[in-house]
Amino acid sequence: MSLQEILIEVETAGKPVTRLIRSGEGYKMMGMAFLKGMELKEHHSNKPAKLIVLQGSVDYLEGNELRNLKALEETEIPMNVKHSVICTEDALCLLIQG
């Protein structure tokens, strides 16, 4: 699936769209699309990850720390730490796990 396809899909999905872009031994790369106001509810990852915002902006909440990430900004996501993502401006992101 391409990033363009994910952007098209999110327009009618009613929730964030997350799709596998590529995977290999020990890693996964996911494309994520959001419309303003969409949220990935609190969850945790069993692998370390990096969230990269390609366009738009999101709020990344980890514990009591809130970080607003804009285009071309990124954050590390530690293993087993609860976090959530709230879209503040229509956004396209990459999530790399592993």
Protein backbone atom coordinates (compact mmCIF):
# COMPACT_ATOMS: atom_id res chain seq x y z
CA MET A 1 0.00 0.00 0.00
CA SER A 2 1.27 3.49 -0.80
CA LEU A 3 1.16 6.64 1.33
CA GLN A 4 -1.13 8.22 -1.26
CA GLU A 5 -3.60 5.34 -0.88
CA ILE A 6 -3.58 5.79 2.89
CA LEU A 7 -4.37 9.50 2.50
CA ILE A 8 -7.31 8.67 0.25
CA GLU A 9 -8.59 5.97 2.63
CA VAL A 10 -8.57 8.21 5.71
CA GLU A 11 -11.00 10.65 4.05
CA THR A 12 -13.88 8.19 4.58
CA ALA A 13 -12.55 5.97 7.40
CA GLY A 14 -13.83 7.91 10.41
CA LYS A 15 -10.69 6.92 12.35
CA PRO A 16 -6.91 6.97 11.82
CA VAL A 17 -5.67 4.65 9.07
CA THR A 18 -2.55 2.60 9.75
CA ARG A 19 -1.17 0.31 7.06
CA LEU A 20 1.99 -1.74 6.63
CA ILE A 21 4.34 -0.17 4.08
CA ARG A 22 7.33 -2.46 4.45
CA SER A 23 8.71 -5.08 6.84
CA GLY A 24 11.83 -7.12 7.19
CA GLU A 25 13.78 -9.04 9.74
CA GLY A 26 13.18 -7.24 13.04
CA TYR A 27 11.41 -4.14 11.73
CA LYS A 28 8.11 -2.79 10.38
CA MET A 29 7.37 0.51 8.67
CA MET A 30 3.79 1.71 8.91
CA GLY A 31 2.08 4.61 7.16
CA MET A 32 -0.42 6.48 9.34
CA ALA A 33 -2.95 9.07 8.18
CA PHE A 34 -5.15 11.24 10.40
CA LEU A 35 -7.72 13.95 9.92
CA LYS A 36 -7.80 16.80 12.43
CA GLY A 37 -9.28 15.60 15.72
CA MET A 38 -8.66 11.88 15.14
CA GLU A 39 -6.92 10.04 17.97
CA LEU A 40 -4.96 6.84 18.53
CA LYS A 41 -6.09 6.00 22.03
CA GLU A 42 -3.57 5.19 24.74
CA HIS A 43 -1.61 2.03 23.99
CA HIS A 44 1.94 0.66 24.23
CA SER A 45 4.40 -0.95 21.85
CA ASN A 46 6.30 -4.16 22.54
CA LYS A 47 9.18 -2.87 20.36
CA PRO A 48 11.02 0.44 20.35
CA ALA A 49 9.66 2.75 17.67
CA LYS A 50 10.09 6.12 16.00
CA LEU A 51 7.20 8.34 14.91
CA ILE A 52 8.01 10.72 12.04
CA VAL A 53 5.52 13.36 10.90
CA LEU A 54 5.71 13.85 7.14
CA GLN A 55 2.98 16.49 6.86
CA GLY A 56 0.51 18.15 9.20
CA SER A 57 0.88 18.00 12.97
CA VAL A 58 0.05 15.71 15.89
CA ASP A 59 0.23 15.84 19.65
CA TYR A 60 2.17 12.92 21.12
CA LEU A 61 1.25 12.26 24.76
CA GLU A 62 3.46 10.03 26.90
CA GLY A 63 2.57 10.05 30.60
CA ASN A 64 2.20 13.72 31.54
CA GLU A 65 4.46 14.93 28.71
CA LEU A 66 2.81 16.42 25.63
CA ARG A 67 4.86 17.11 22.50
CA ASN A 68 3.47 18.81 19.40
CA LEU A 69 5.17 17.36 16.33
CA LYS A 70 5.03 19.16 13.00
CA ALA A 71 6.17 18.16 9.51
CA LEU A 72 9.64 16.55 9.50
CA GLU A 73 9.78 16.29 13.30
CA GLU A 74 10.08 12.96 15.07
CA THR A 75 10.05 11.29 18.46
CA GLU A 76 11.31 8.02 19.88
CA ILE A 77 8.67 5.76 21.42
CA PRO A 78 10.08 3.51 24.13
CA MET A 79 8.93 -0.07 24.66
CA ASN A 80 6.06 -0.76 27.05
CA VAL A 81 5.31 2.92 27.73
CA LYS A 82 1.70 4.05 27.39
CA HIS A 83 1.22 6.81 24.83
CA SER A 84 -1.42 8.31 22.55
CA VAL A 85 -1.48 10.44 19.40
CA ILE A 86 -4.01 13.21 18.68
CA CYS A 87 -4.12 14.90 15.29
CA THR A 88 -4.07 18.72 15.47
CA GLU A 89 -3.86 19.26 11.67
CA ASP A 90 -4.53 16.65 8.94
CA ALA A 91 -1.39 14.52 9.10
CA LEU A 92 0.62 11.80 7.41
CA CYS A 93 3.18 9.94 9.52
CA LEU A 94 5.61 7.05 9.37
CA LEU A 95 5.99 4.68 12.29
CA ILE A 96 9.12 2.56 12.31
CA GLN A 97 9.17 -0.32 14.80
CA GLY A 98 12.23 -2.36 15.65
